[in-house]
Amino acid sequence: MDAAKTPGIFIHQYAGLPHGPAFEHWRDRACGPCGLDIGPSHGDSIDCRLQISVVGNIALAVPEGASAQYSRTQSGLADGNDDLMLIAAHAGLVRVRQNGHSIELAPSQMMLADMSVTGTVGHSDEDRFTTIRMPRRALLEIHPRAEDKLSQVLSDGAVAETIFRYHALAANQAPHLDALGQRLTAQHMVDLVGLLLGTDAEHASLARGRGHAAARLDIMRADVMAALGRNDLCLAEIATRSGLSPRQAQRLFEQAGTTFTEFVLEQRLLLARKLLGDPRAKARKISDIAHSSGFSDLSYFNRAFRKRFGATPSELREA
């Protein structure tokens, strides 16, 4: 089965033997554009669900399933693709082979791979990984000696954790952004990879200011949006999840022109307005909508709502 959920997000799914028309069709669509071949990682059958999210000039892949191995073969090299790919291990033991050299990645470890040489990487239910494919030139701009880091085990706790979380966020949300938003997201991701590789002081300062900070702010915003209905949501909790102190987290919000409190209030008010205008929520009490939007004080909710939208919740619903 092969489908795209939304422009920029492609889902390629297959279970069965690695031959026949259905397999050939799936392989060509799932891995053909990357010049990859695919077969079982063990046993005789393939069991694979591959999500590929195209964001600006990078591609984020989330492979899942019990048996699949992706190979960059000599015939595949004919496409001239020389992109670089960061492979990040999530679980088990991920075995990567590059140009005859083998390496094993434990959870939270990563490796920079070269698509201009042969190589393989596979997954199972126990051994899982994600990838970030990026243009070689884009990474060399932030880390001129990035190629010296090829086929090495990479691990930097804070930066690696940010890459894991930003990958999950960007793979599902970034394709919905406009062209500028996608370009910035892609640049932030490349900056994070540059920091992981240990770039020089000049480039590190640029990458931290442009990429690391922006990625952490995006992650904190996503954490807030996921917990809007909790009236005990606080800055300290959100900061800790991103490995920051409350002051560091507040500074990131301030650099974006707001504060944590202002951002939370704005998002809660927007959520409440959306619910009040939803015909499916017409029977819900306004107090219930306020509570589910994270407001524990109904009077404060009414005052804040009127100040923001120029009408009370009741007036907006009637309108």
Foldseek 3Di string as FASTA:
>chain_A
DWAAPDVQKTKQWDKFACDDDVNVVSQCVPCVVVLKGKAWQDDGMDGWIWIWGDFQQKIKIWIDAATMKIKNDPVSLVVVAFWKKKKAKAFDWKWKAWQNDIDIDHHLKIFIATSNTIMMIMAGNGTTIMMMTHHPVLLCVLAVVVVVRHPHIFHDPLLSVLLVLLSVVCSPPNSVDPNVSSVLSSSLNSLSVNVRSPGDPVSVVVNCVRHVLVSLLVSLLVVLLVPQLALPDDQCVSQVVSVHHSVSNQVSQVVVPHGPVVSSLVQLLVQLLVLLQDPVNVPPDSCVSNNRRNDPDPVVSQVSNCVVPVDGSVVSSVD
